[in-house]
Protein backbone atom coordinates (compact mmCIF):
# COMPACT_ATOMS: atom_id res chain seq x y z
CA MET A 1 31.54 -11.65 44.59
CA GLY A 2 32.63 -8.95 42.50
CA SER A 3 31.35 -10.80 39.54
CA LEU A 4 27.99 -10.73 41.30
CA LEU A 5 28.14 -6.90 42.05
CA SER A 6 28.97 -6.11 38.45
CA LYS A 7 26.05 -7.93 37.08
CA ALA A 8 23.74 -6.18 39.81
CA GLN A 9 25.20 -2.95 38.72
CA ILE A 10 24.65 -3.64 34.84
CA LEU A 11 21.08 -4.70 35.70
CA PHE A 12 20.35 -1.36 37.59
CA GLN A 13 21.75 0.88 35.06
CA ALA A 14 19.79 -0.99 32.23
CA LEU A 15 16.55 -0.63 34.37
CA ALA A 16 17.81 2.84 35.07
CA GLN A 17 18.00 3.39 31.03
CA LEU A 18 14.55 1.76 30.62
CA LYS A 19 12.66 4.14 33.04
CA LYS A 20 14.34 7.54 31.21
CA THR A 21 13.28 5.98 28.07
CA TYR A 22 9.78 5.28 29.40
CA ASP A 23 9.58 8.61 30.93
CA LEU A 24 10.56 10.70 27.80
CA LEU A 25 8.09 8.55 25.46
CA TYR A 26 5.27 9.06 28.32
CA ARG A 27 6.26 13.19 28.35
CA ARG A 28 5.87 13.36 24.11
CA LEU A 29 2.82 11.08 24.21
CA GLU A 30 0.87 13.42 26.85
CA THR A 31 2.39 16.63 25.16
CA SER A 32 -0.07 18.39 22.48
CA PRO A 33 1.41 18.08 18.97
CA GLY A 34 0.94 21.76 18.18
CA LEU A 35 0.30 23.51 15.33
CA PRO A 36 2.06 22.16 11.95
CA VAL A 37 5.74 23.53 11.85
CA PRO A 38 5.46 26.63 9.23
CA ASN A 39 8.94 25.55 7.52
CA PRO A 40 8.82 21.81 6.77
CA THR A 41 10.95 19.96 4.95
CA GLN A 42 10.86 20.08 0.94
CA SER A 43 8.75 16.65 -0.28
CA LEU A 44 9.63 16.15 -4.10
CA TRP A 45 5.83 15.48 -4.47
CA THR A 46 4.95 18.76 -3.51
CA PHE A 47 7.01 20.78 -6.17
CA PRO A 48 6.66 22.62 -8.24
CA PRO A 49 3.51 24.05 -5.92
CA ALA A 50 -0.09 23.86 -6.94
CA PRO A 51 -1.77 27.10 -7.75
CA ILE A 52 -4.27 26.59 -5.10
CA PRO A 53 -6.06 28.80 -4.40
CA SER A 54 -4.94 30.50 -7.75
CA GLY A 55 -4.72 34.09 -6.18
CA THR A 56 -8.39 34.10 -5.81
CA GLU A 57 -7.98 33.53 -1.80
CA PRO A 58 -10.45 35.96 -0.52
CA PRO A 59 -8.44 38.66 2.32
CA HIS A 60 -11.11 37.70 5.11
CA LEU A 61 -13.06 34.99 6.53
CA PRO A 62 -16.55 34.89 5.61
CA ASP A 63 -18.51 35.42 8.75
CA TYR A 64 -20.55 31.69 8.56
CA ALA A 65 -20.26 28.34 6.95
CA ASP A 66 -22.33 25.60 6.99
CA ILE A 67 -19.37 22.87 7.16
CA VAL A 68 -15.74 23.97 8.33
CA VAL A 69 -13.33 21.50 7.72
CA ILE A 70 -9.89 21.87 9.24
CA GLY A 71 -7.12 20.23 7.11
CA SER A 72 -6.63 19.84 3.16
CA GLY A 73 -5.22 16.33 2.75
CA ILE A 74 -6.86 13.52 1.20
CA THR A 75 -9.04 13.26 3.95
CA GLY A 76 -10.41 16.86 3.71
CA ALA A 77 -10.86 16.43 -0.11
CA SER A 78 -13.15 13.61 0.26
CA VAL A 79 -15.32 15.04 2.91
CA VAL A 80 -15.86 18.30 0.91
CA TYR A 81 -16.17 16.54 -2.91
CA ASN A 82 -18.53 14.15 -1.16
CA LEU A 83 -20.58 16.45 0.78
CA LEU A 84 -21.26 18.78 -2.47
CA ALA A 85 -21.66 15.80 -4.65
CA ARG A 86 -25.01 15.31 -2.75
CA GLU A 87 -25.65 18.90 -1.58
CA GLN A 88 -24.24 21.28 -3.84
CA GLY A 89 -25.72 24.59 -2.30
CA LEU A 90 -23.69 23.91 1.09
CA LYS A 91 -21.40 26.88 2.26
CA ILE A 92 -18.34 24.80 3.12
CA VAL A 93 -14.86 26.87 4.18
CA MET A 94 -11.70 24.62 4.51
CA LEU A 95 -8.80 25.93 6.66
CA GLU A 96 -5.27 24.52 6.05
CA ALA A 97 -2.28 26.08 8.71
CA ARG A 98 0.50 25.92 5.69
CA GLU A 99 -0.31 25.46 2.12
CA VAL A 100 -2.73 23.31 0.56
CA CYS A 101 -1.97 18.98 0.82
CA SER A 102 1.24 19.88 3.00
CA GLY A 103 1.05 17.66 5.41
CA ALA A 104 0.94 13.40 5.31
CA THR A 105 -0.90 13.18 2.15
CA GLY A 106 2.04 15.60 0.30
CA ARG A 107 4.62 13.30 2.35
CA ASN A 108 3.82 9.49 1.92
CA GLY A 109 5.03 6.86 -0.30
CA GLY A 110 2.00 7.10 -2.98
CA HIS A 111 1.42 3.59 -2.24
CA ILE A 112 -2.46 2.16 -2.76
CA ASN A 113 -1.38 -0.87 -1.18
CA PRO A 114 -2.90 -2.43 2.03
CA SER A 115 -1.97 -4.81 4.14
CA LEU A 116 -4.25 -7.81 3.20
CA TYR A 117 -2.84 -11.27 4.50
CA GLU A 118 -0.78 -9.81 6.93
CA ASP A 119 -3.25 -8.39 9.26
CA TYR A 120 -6.24 -10.82 8.22
CA ASN A 121 -5.61 -13.51 11.39
CA GLU A 122 -5.36 -10.73 13.94
CA LEU A 123 -8.52 -8.87 12.50
CA LYS A 124 -10.45 -12.03 12.38
CA ASN A 125 -9.62 -13.47 15.91
CA ALA A 126 -10.03 -10.02 17.51
CA HIS A 127 -13.12 -8.92 15.79
CA GLY A 128 -14.47 -11.96 14.03
CA GLU A 129 -14.51 -12.79 10.41
CA HIS A 130 -17.16 -11.44 9.34
CA VAL A 131 -15.84 -7.52 10.36
CA ALA A 132 -12.26 -8.57 9.43
CA LYS A 133 -13.58 -9.43 5.84
CA LEU A 134 -15.50 -6.22 5.38
CA MET A 135 -12.22 -4.30 6.77
CA LEU A 136 -10.09 -5.80 3.94
CA ALA A 137 -12.95 -4.93 1.57
CA PHE A 138 -13.21 -1.51 2.56
CA ARG A 139 -9.15 -0.89 2.29
CA LEU A 140 -9.05 -2.72 -1.30
CA ALA A 141 -12.09 -0.23 -2.63
CA HIS A 142 -9.73 2.76 -2.36
CA PHE A 143 -7.94 2.06 -5.65
CA SER A 144 -11.20 1.43 -7.62
CA GLU A 145 -12.64 4.11 -5.97
CA LEU A 146 -9.75 6.91 -6.74
CA TRP A 147 -9.50 5.46 -10.01
CA ARG A 148 -13.11 6.30 -10.44
CA ILE A 149 -12.51 9.66 -9.08
CA ALA A 150 -9.49 10.65 -11.47
CA VAL A 151 -11.28 9.46 -14.56
CA GLU A 152 -15.01 11.29 -13.76
CA GLU A 153 -12.99 14.58 -12.91
CA ASP A 154 -10.64 14.60 -15.97
CA ILE A 155 -7.39 14.51 -13.63
CA PHE A 156 -6.04 11.16 -14.36
CA LYS A 157 -2.90 12.30 -15.86
CA GLU A 158 -1.95 14.36 -13.54
CA SER A 159 -2.66 11.90 -10.66
CA GLN A 160 -0.66 9.06 -12.23
CA ILE A 161 -3.16 6.88 -10.93
CA ARG A 162 -2.07 3.39 -12.33
CA GLU A 163 -2.08 -0.29 -11.80
CA THR A 164 1.34 -1.75 -10.50
CA GLU A 165 2.76 -5.25 -10.08
CA HIS A 166 3.16 -5.32 -6.32
CA LEU A 167 6.03 -7.26 -4.94
CA GLU A 168 6.23 -8.07 -1.20
CA THR A 169 9.69 -9.16 -0.63
CA TYR A 170 11.39 -11.12 2.38
CA THR A 171 14.95 -11.34 3.34
CA CYS A 172 14.25 -13.26 6.51
CA ARG A 173 13.45 -16.91 6.11
CA LYS A 174 11.05 -16.95 9.10
CA SER A 175 9.05 -14.14 8.13
CA PHE A 176 8.47 -15.68 4.54
CA GLU A 177 6.91 -18.69 5.99
CA GLU A 178 4.88 -16.95 8.37
CA ALA A 179 3.70 -14.81 5.53
CA LYS A 180 3.10 -18.02 3.26
CA VAL A 181 0.64 -19.42 6.14
CA LYS A 182 -1.08 -15.98 6.42
CA LEU A 183 -1.36 -16.09 3.15
CA ALA A 184 -3.07 -19.88 2.73
CA ASP A 185 -5.41 -18.44 5.49
CA TRP A 186 -6.82 -15.83 3.90
CA ARG A 187 -6.95 -17.20 1.11
CA THR A 188 -9.25 -20.01 2.39
CA ASP A 189 -11.39 -17.03 3.47
CA MET A 190 -11.22 -15.05 0.68
CA PRO A 191 -10.53 -16.47 -2.50
CA ALA A 192 -11.99 -14.04 -5.08
CA GLU A 193 -9.71 -10.94 -3.13
CA SER A 194 -6.54 -13.16 -3.11
CA ARG A 195 -6.40 -14.61 -6.70
CA THR A 196 -3.97 -12.49 -7.88
CA PHE A 197 -1.65 -13.66 -5.02
CA VAL A 198 1.55 -15.46 -6.18
CA VAL A 199 4.28 -16.62 -3.95
CA HIS A 200 7.78 -16.92 -5.32
CA GLU A 201 10.39 -18.85 -3.56
CA GLY A 202 13.85 -17.65 -3.70
CA GLU A 203 15.78 -18.37 -6.80
CA GLU A 204 12.92 -17.95 -8.73
CA ALA A 205 11.87 -14.56 -6.70
CA ILE A 206 15.67 -13.11 -7.66
CA LYS A 207 15.57 -13.92 -11.27
CA ILE A 208 11.71 -12.73 -12.57
CA TYR A 209 12.14 -9.76 -10.84
CA HIS A 210 15.74 -9.05 -10.66
CA LEU A 211 16.10 -8.69 -6.88
CA SER A 212 19.29 -9.06 -4.42
CA GLY A 213 20.48 -12.78 -3.73
CA GLN A 214 19.61 -12.01 0.15
CA VAL A 215 15.90 -12.52 -1.12
CA VAL A 216 14.54 -15.74 0.21
CA GLY A 217 11.08 -15.26 -1.71
CA CYS A 218 8.42 -13.03 -2.49
CA ILE A 219 4.39 -12.59 -2.62
CA SER A 220 3.29 -10.91 -6.09
CA SER A 221 -0.10 -9.29 -6.41
CA THR A 222 -1.80 -6.57 -8.10
CA GLY A 223 -1.38 -3.15 -6.45
CA GLY A 224 -1.76 0.47 -7.02
CA ALA A 225 0.04 3.67 -6.63
CA MET A 226 -0.32 7.28 -7.63
CA HIS A 227 0.86 10.99 -6.63
CA PRO A 228 -0.99 11.91 -3.89
CA TYR A 229 -0.14 15.53 -3.73
CA ARG A 230 -1.69 16.10 -7.55
CA PHE A 231 -4.75 14.04 -7.13
CA VAL A 232 -5.74 16.23 -4.23
CA THR A 233 -4.76 19.78 -5.70
CA SER A 234 -6.49 18.82 -8.73
CA LEU A 235 -9.60 17.37 -7.13
CA LEU A 236 -9.69 20.97 -5.08
CA SER A 237 -8.93 23.02 -8.16
CA VAL A 238 -12.08 21.12 -9.72
CA LEU A 239 -14.24 22.02 -6.66
CA LEU A 240 -13.18 25.39 -6.07
CA THR A 241 -14.29 26.07 -9.74
CA ARG A 242 -17.50 24.04 -9.84
CA HIS A 243 -18.51 25.43 -6.40
CA ALA A 244 -17.13 28.79 -6.54
CA ASP A 245 -20.25 30.23 -4.89
CA GLY A 246 -20.35 27.71 -2.18
CA PHE A 247 -16.40 26.49 -1.28
CA GLN A 248 -13.46 28.24 -0.07
CA ILE A 249 -10.03 27.16 0.73
CA PHE A 250 -8.25 29.79 3.06
CA THR A 251 -4.11 28.63 3.33
CA ARG A 252 -1.72 29.75 6.36
CA THR A 253 -4.64 30.11 8.17
CA PRO A 254 -4.56 27.57 10.89
CA CYS A 255 -7.57 26.53 13.37
CA THR A 256 -6.43 28.23 16.88
CA SER A 257 -9.61 27.14 18.96
CA ILE A 258 -12.76 25.90 18.78
CA THR A 259 -15.92 27.29 21.34
CA SER A 260 -19.71 26.57 21.60
CA GLY A 261 -21.87 28.79 22.90
CA ASP A 262 -24.81 28.52 25.73
CA ASN A 263 -28.09 27.07 24.69
CA ASN A 264 -29.12 29.64 22.76
CA ASP A 265 -26.53 29.74 20.64
CA ALA A 266 -26.77 27.41 17.18
CA LEU A 267 -23.00 27.70 16.53
CA TYR A 268 -19.70 27.32 17.16
CA THR A 269 -17.08 29.70 16.79
CA VAL A 270 -13.72 28.73 14.89
CA LYS A 271 -11.13 31.07 15.62
CA THR A 272 -7.95 31.66 13.37
CA PRO A 273 -4.96 34.46 13.58
CA ARG A 274 -7.25 35.83 10.32
CA GLY A 275 -10.40 36.11 12.43
CA ALA A 276 -13.15 34.04 13.29
CA LEU A 277 -16.40 31.99 11.65
CA ARG A 278 -19.40 30.62 13.00
CA THR A 279 -20.86 27.18 11.83
CA PRO A 280 -22.75 24.37 12.99
CA HIS A 281 -20.43 21.89 11.63
CA VAL A 282 -16.82 21.47 12.13
CA VAL A 283 -14.57 18.67 10.57
CA HIS A 284 -10.96 17.71 11.94
CA ALA A 285 -9.29 16.30 9.03
CA THR A 286 -5.83 16.94 10.89
CA ASN A 287 -4.49 12.86 11.65
CA GLY A 288 -1.27 13.06 13.18
CA TRP A 289 -2.29 16.72 14.92
CA CYS A 290 -6.04 16.17 15.55
CA SER A 291 -5.21 16.12 19.42
CA HIS A 292 -4.14 19.80 19.25
CA LEU A 293 -7.72 20.64 19.36
CA LEU A 294 -9.42 18.00 20.65
CA PRO A 295 -7.07 16.94 23.89
CA ALA A 296 -8.60 13.91 25.17
CA LEU A 297 -7.23 12.21 22.26
CA ARG A 298 -3.60 12.38 23.31
CA MET A 299 -2.35 8.61 23.82
CA LYS A 300 -5.34 7.48 21.16
CA ILE A 301 -4.11 9.20 18.31
CA VAL A 302 -0.21 10.12 18.53
CA PRO A 303 1.66 11.68 15.96
CA ALA A 304 5.04 10.10 14.69
CA ARG A 305 7.57 11.04 12.22
CA ALA A 306 8.46 9.21 8.87
CA ALA A 307 11.10 9.34 6.68
CA MET A 308 10.61 9.29 3.28
CA SER A 309 13.34 10.49 -0.06
CA ALA A 310 13.25 10.67 -3.70
CA GLN A 311 16.38 8.78 -5.29
CA ARG A 312 17.68 8.54 -8.98
CA PRO A 313 17.36 4.77 -10.08
CA GLY A 314 21.02 2.91 -10.99
CA SER A 315 21.53 2.68 -14.96
CA ALA A 316 20.52 -0.80 -14.58
CA LEU A 317 17.29 -1.07 -12.66
CA HIS A 318 14.74 -0.86 -15.35
CA PRO A 319 14.21 -4.78 -15.57
CA ALA A 320 13.41 -4.27 -11.62
CA THR A 321 11.13 -1.51 -11.32
CA ARG A 322 10.13 -0.76 -14.86
CA ASP A 323 9.56 2.79 -14.53
CA GLY A 324 6.64 2.83 -11.93
CA ALA A 325 5.23 -0.22 -13.45
CA ARG A 326 5.76 -2.09 -9.99
CA SER A 327 5.60 -1.16 -6.23
CA PHE A 328 7.54 -2.67 -3.13
CA ILE A 329 7.70 -3.60 0.45
CA PHE A 330 10.72 -4.68 1.47
CA TYR A 331 10.16 -7.07 4.87
CA ARG A 332 13.27 -7.19 6.77
CA GLY A 333 12.19 -9.70 9.37
CA SER A 334 12.20 -8.11 13.02
CA ALA A 335 13.98 -5.15 11.82
CA GLY A 336 10.59 -3.53 10.48
CA TYR A 337 10.23 -3.09 6.49
CA ASP A 338 10.67 -0.03 3.77
CA TYR A 339 8.04 0.55 0.71
CA LEU A 340 8.92 1.97 -2.74
CA THR A 341 6.98 3.31 -5.44
CA GLN A 342 8.19 5.18 -8.74
CA LEU A 343 7.60 8.08 -10.63
CA PRO A 344 6.34 7.45 -14.82
CA THR A 345 8.08 10.57 -15.40
CA GLY A 346 11.01 12.62 -15.52
CA GLU A 347 13.99 11.45 -13.67
CA HIS A 348 11.26 8.26 -12.70
CA GLU A 349 12.47 8.91 -9.24
CA LEU A 350 12.33 6.28 -6.69
CA MET A 351 10.11 6.95 -3.73
CA PHE A 352 11.50 5.15 -1.35
CA GLY A 353 10.54 5.52 2.48
CA GLY A 354 11.18 3.34 5.71
CA GLY A 355 14.14 2.96 8.12
CA TRP A 356 11.46 3.12 11.08
CA ALA A 357 13.64 0.85 12.99
CA GLN A 358 16.41 2.74 12.57
CA ALA A 359 15.20 6.13 13.66
CA CYS A 360 15.60 5.31 17.52
CA ASP A 361 17.17 8.54 19.47
CA ASP A 362 17.28 7.93 22.79
CA GLY A 363 16.36 4.39 22.22
CA LEU A 364 13.09 5.54 20.93
CA PRO A 365 11.27 5.53 17.54
CA GLU A 366 10.11 8.68 16.63
CA ILE A 367 6.68 8.59 18.06
CA GLY A 368 5.04 11.51 19.61
CA ILE A 369 6.96 13.90 17.60
CA ALA A 370 5.06 16.25 14.90
CA ASP A 371 8.05 18.15 13.69
CA ASP A 372 8.55 17.83 10.12
CA GLY A 373 10.76 20.82 9.48
CA LEU A 374 13.72 18.09 10.19
CA VAL A 375 14.74 14.80 9.12
CA ASN A 376 16.34 11.92 11.56
CA HIS A 377 20.12 11.41 10.58
CA THR A 378 20.12 7.71 10.85
CA SER A 379 16.91 6.83 9.34
CA GLN A 380 17.75 8.89 6.04
CA SER A 381 21.25 7.67 6.04
CA TYR A 382 20.10 3.95 6.39
CA LEU A 383 17.34 5.10 3.09
CA ALA A 384 20.17 6.55 1.09
CA GLY A 385 22.14 3.14 1.02
CA ALA A 386 19.71 0.72 1.11
CA LEU A 387 18.09 0.45 -2.18
CA PRO A 388 21.36 -1.33 -4.10
CA GLN A 389 21.39 -4.01 -1.45
CA TYR A 390 17.41 -4.80 -2.01
CA PHE A 391 17.99 -5.00 -5.74
CA GLY A 392 21.96 -6.27 -5.63
CA LEU A 393 24.63 -4.33 -6.81
CA GLU A 394 24.59 -5.92 -10.12
CA ASN A 395 20.94 -4.96 -10.83
CA TRP A 396 21.81 -1.33 -9.70
CA GLY A 397 24.11 -0.93 -12.06
CA ALA A 398 26.11 2.48 -12.11
CA GLU A 399 24.83 5.80 -10.67
CA VAL A 400 23.50 8.05 -12.90
CA ALA A 401 23.92 11.66 -13.76
CA ALA A 402 21.52 14.13 -12.73
CA ARG A 403 19.42 15.42 -15.80
CA GLU A 404 19.82 19.34 -16.50
CA GLU A 405 16.04 19.86 -15.81
CA GLY A 406 16.10 17.37 -12.78
CA ASN A 407 18.87 18.92 -10.78
CA ALA A 408 19.95 22.25 -8.73
CA ARG A 409 17.16 24.90 -9.25
CA ARG A 410 14.19 24.19 -11.16
CA ASP A 411 12.37 27.40 -9.69
CA GLY A 412 14.35 29.96 -10.33
CA ASP A 413 18.01 30.80 -10.08
CA GLY A 414 18.23 34.35 -8.32
CA ASP A 415 17.64 35.21 -4.70
CA GLY A 416 14.63 35.08 -2.66
CA ASP A 417 12.82 33.72 -5.95
CA GLY A 418 12.01 30.88 -3.62
CA GLY A 419 14.31 28.42 -5.62
CA VAL A 420 14.53 24.81 -4.75
CA ARG A 421 18.20 22.78 -4.97
CA TRP A 422 18.08 19.47 -5.38
CA GLY A 423 20.69 16.91 -4.36
CA ALA A 424 22.66 16.10 -7.83
CA GLY A 425 23.78 12.36 -6.43
CA ARG A 426 21.41 9.49 -5.93
CA THR A 427 19.41 10.78 -3.33
CA LYS A 428 17.46 13.74 -4.70
CA ALA A 429 15.49 14.82 -1.73
CA GLN A 430 14.83 13.90 1.87
CA TRP A 431 12.00 14.99 4.06
CA SER A 432 9.58 13.89 6.86
CA GLY A 433 6.20 13.08 7.54
CA ILE A 434 3.88 13.30 9.65
CA LEU A 435 1.73 9.85 10.71
CA GLY A 436 -1.28 9.32 13.03
CA ILE A 437 -1.07 6.24 14.82
CA SER A 438 -4.27 5.01 16.48
CA ALA A 439 -3.76 3.37 19.97
CA ASP A 440 -6.00 0.42 18.67
CA MET A 441 -4.66 0.45 15.06
CA LEU A 442 -8.00 1.39 13.86
CA PRO A 443 -9.04 4.72 12.12
CA TRP A 444 -11.57 7.14 14.16
CA VAL A 445 -14.25 7.85 11.87
CA GLY A 446 -17.44 10.04 13.05
CA ARG A 447 -19.51 12.32 15.22
CA ILE A 448 -16.79 13.18 18.49
CA PRO A 449 -18.94 12.79 21.89
CA LYS A 450 -19.00 15.73 24.09
CA LYS A 451 -16.64 14.05 26.75
CA LEU A 452 -14.03 14.12 23.47
CA SER A 453 -14.23 17.23 22.27
CA GLY A 454 -14.89 19.26 25.43
CA ARG A 455 -17.62 21.50 23.99
CA THR A 456 -21.03 21.01 24.30
CA PRO A 457 -22.36 21.02 20.75
CA PRO A 458 -25.01 23.36 19.46
CA LYS A 459 -28.62 23.23 19.65
CA SER A 460 -31.24 24.84 17.85
CA GLN A 461 -34.32 23.24 15.72
CA ALA A 462 -34.94 26.55 14.23
CA PHE A 463 -31.39 26.23 12.69
CA ARG A 464 -31.74 22.44 11.71
CA ASP A 465 -35.00 23.71 9.66
CA GLN A 466 -33.60 26.39 8.12
CA VAL A 467 -30.68 23.74 6.78
CA LYS A 468 -33.53 21.57 5.61
CA GLU A 469 -35.55 24.16 3.64
CA GLU A 470 -32.51 25.85 2.06
CA HIS A 471 -30.82 22.48 0.92
CA GLY A 472 -33.63 20.13 0.63
CA SER A 473 -31.76 17.50 2.70
CA ARG A 474 -31.68 18.18 6.49
CA LEU A 475 -28.46 17.84 8.09
CA ALA A 476 -27.53 15.72 10.83
CA ALA A 477 -27.44 17.74 14.36
CA PRO A 478 -24.71 19.89 14.55
CA GLY A 479 -21.16 18.70 16.31
CA GLU A 480 -17.65 18.07 15.86
CA TRP A 481 -16.77 15.32 13.62
CA MET A 482 -13.58 13.34 12.62
CA SER A 483 -11.45 11.02 10.24
CA ALA A 484 -8.29 10.33 11.58
CA GLY A 485 -5.71 8.07 12.84
CA TYR A 486 -4.72 5.96 9.76
CA THR A 487 -1.56 4.31 11.24
CA GLY A 488 0.45 4.76 8.12
CA GLU A 489 -1.95 3.44 5.76
CA GLY A 490 -3.93 6.61 5.12
CA MET A 491 -3.93 5.97 1.50
CA VAL A 492 -6.28 2.74 1.79
CA HIS A 493 -8.07 4.36 4.67
CA ALA A 494 -8.57 8.13 4.07
CA TRP A 495 -10.87 8.28 1.19
CA LEU A 496 -13.84 6.27 1.77
CA SER A 497 -13.44 7.54 5.63
CA GLY A 498 -14.05 10.56 4.91
CA LYS A 499 -17.06 9.41 2.26
CA ALA A 500 -18.62 8.01 5.24
CA LEU A 501 -17.94 11.15 7.07
CA ALA A 502 -19.88 13.47 4.48
CA HIS A 503 -22.79 10.80 4.75
CA MET A 504 -22.98 11.17 8.33
CA ILE A 505 -22.79 14.70 8.33
CA LEU A 506 -25.71 14.62 5.76
CA GLY A 507 -28.02 12.36 7.93
CA ARG A 508 -27.60 9.43 5.38
CA GLU A 509 -25.80 6.89 7.15
CA ASP A 510 -28.30 4.05 5.84
CA GLU A 511 -26.38 4.80 2.73
CA ILE A 512 -23.04 3.37 4.13
CA ARG A 513 -24.30 0.38 5.97
CA ASP A 514 -23.27 -2.37 3.51
CA TRP A 515 -19.44 -0.84 2.95
CA PHE A 516 -18.52 1.36 6.47
CA PRO A 517 -16.96 -0.63 9.21
CA ASP A 518 -18.78 0.24 12.04
CA ILE A 519 -15.62 -0.66 14.22
CA PHE A 520 -14.03 2.68 13.21
CA ARG A 521 -16.71 4.81 14.92
CA VAL A 522 -15.59 7.40 17.50
CA SER A 523 -17.23 6.45 21.02
CA GLU A 524 -16.54 6.94 24.61
CA LYS A 525 -16.53 3.16 25.12
CA ARG A 526 -13.77 2.62 22.56
CA TRP A 527 -12.38 5.99 23.62
CA LYS A 528 -11.74 4.31 27.12
CA GLU A 529 -10.42 0.69 25.89
CA ALA A 530 -7.95 1.91 23.74
CA GLN A 531 -4.75 2.08 25.60
CA PHE A 532 -1.53 3.24 24.07
CA ASP A 533 0.65 0.81 26.34
CA ASN A 534 -0.93 -2.23 24.45
CA LEU A 535 0.05 -0.71 21.19
CA ILE A 536 3.99 0.02 22.79
CA GLY A 537 3.95 -3.50 24.00
CA LYS A 538 2.82 -5.13 20.72
CA PHE A 539 5.82 -2.96 19.05
CA MET A 540 8.42 -3.96 21.47
CA GLN A 541 7.30 -7.87 21.26
């Protein structure tokens, strides 16, 4: 009897803890992410800071803009770039709560490596073969599109965009065998796209790529990487110069509210601490923070805090990483995955992120957290020690001393001068970034229905006629627009999603029909069907 009572007590305590965890999670999910915190952790990507807007930022907001873009990361940059490439006379204002590109784009891993064979069967079963192929083609198209922009806009050197030999390594036999089956299935349906993918069994993988003896195999392919912060800030600098009369960026200027008037008012009023401006079009390019201004999207796009680090490579690591010519995903079975790129210049820092499975306080990963002013102790401790395990101690070599120019303060040494002190050991920097996790694992792109925005779009035929006359192309009807919810895959979704959104705002949707997955569109039906409970259940399988 005593044994039965003890077991019942243990079960009761376990259920009580599960309820506590469940309640905590839902409190997080239902809470507004608020505005980005003013003092985020220091990302190595964002140092030294880009001189944007180069001291030319106007002291006051204009009274009016044709389009207001909220957010200055890769999504916002894409929307503005593609709008102005097609309608140069537009008046566009970009609002940023902190500094330019200080959100997820300036805090990620620098990968341009989409999930392909890993997702194909699931996408095919859920949405059909045609849609699955279109979605993967959309992801794959990002590298060539970003490369093209970097070349055409003369920012290739700054962006550090490069083709890599991409490796996906496995330390779990079961996961590796499953991956090979998925790859074979995908290869059957998309042979051209999968032609660079090669399977390497354990000993071959370890020998060729200088990996740890724990590796049971890897899959190599052509991949890509770049410096996301320099790409975006360099491109925005180009746009500010080229469109000096039409494009403005206001930093440290968060949007605090949006209101729409009565039927006689053709414009939204966008309010900030620096004043208000009026516009017929508002673009939400804030990803994990989007539900602050769009409360209906709480539980649909949820912030999640991810961990990143910059580490100095061991003395013997060059044959494995080749100074940035390779990129890596490290799969650890049910324990999640980590990701790695390497800078091709400077100290050749290893840009290493992940540790998601380890970042569990109160039994929860960091879902529903929008504070990138802190790092998670457990995940960062894990990241600080994982790389020699992935490559093997013999391939890692001795620890390397920091270079004089790469250590301590690199922005002055005096008090109050904004100096940054980097770590002098293996770990040079640690920071966090906020993802936008989509309840149905798909980006949300397009016009925001009234039910989701909570605001009535302005209506004015006279205004639309005026826009047509002034700009030679009729903009779509006034409204709110969004592109967000990339679920940690922004580098292979955000740019072309922003491009598609620009076409929608310009009323040129016929030009995106062949390459944009309609399944990404925002709709009331999708909003009703996307349930975060289903996603949580998937994560817990």
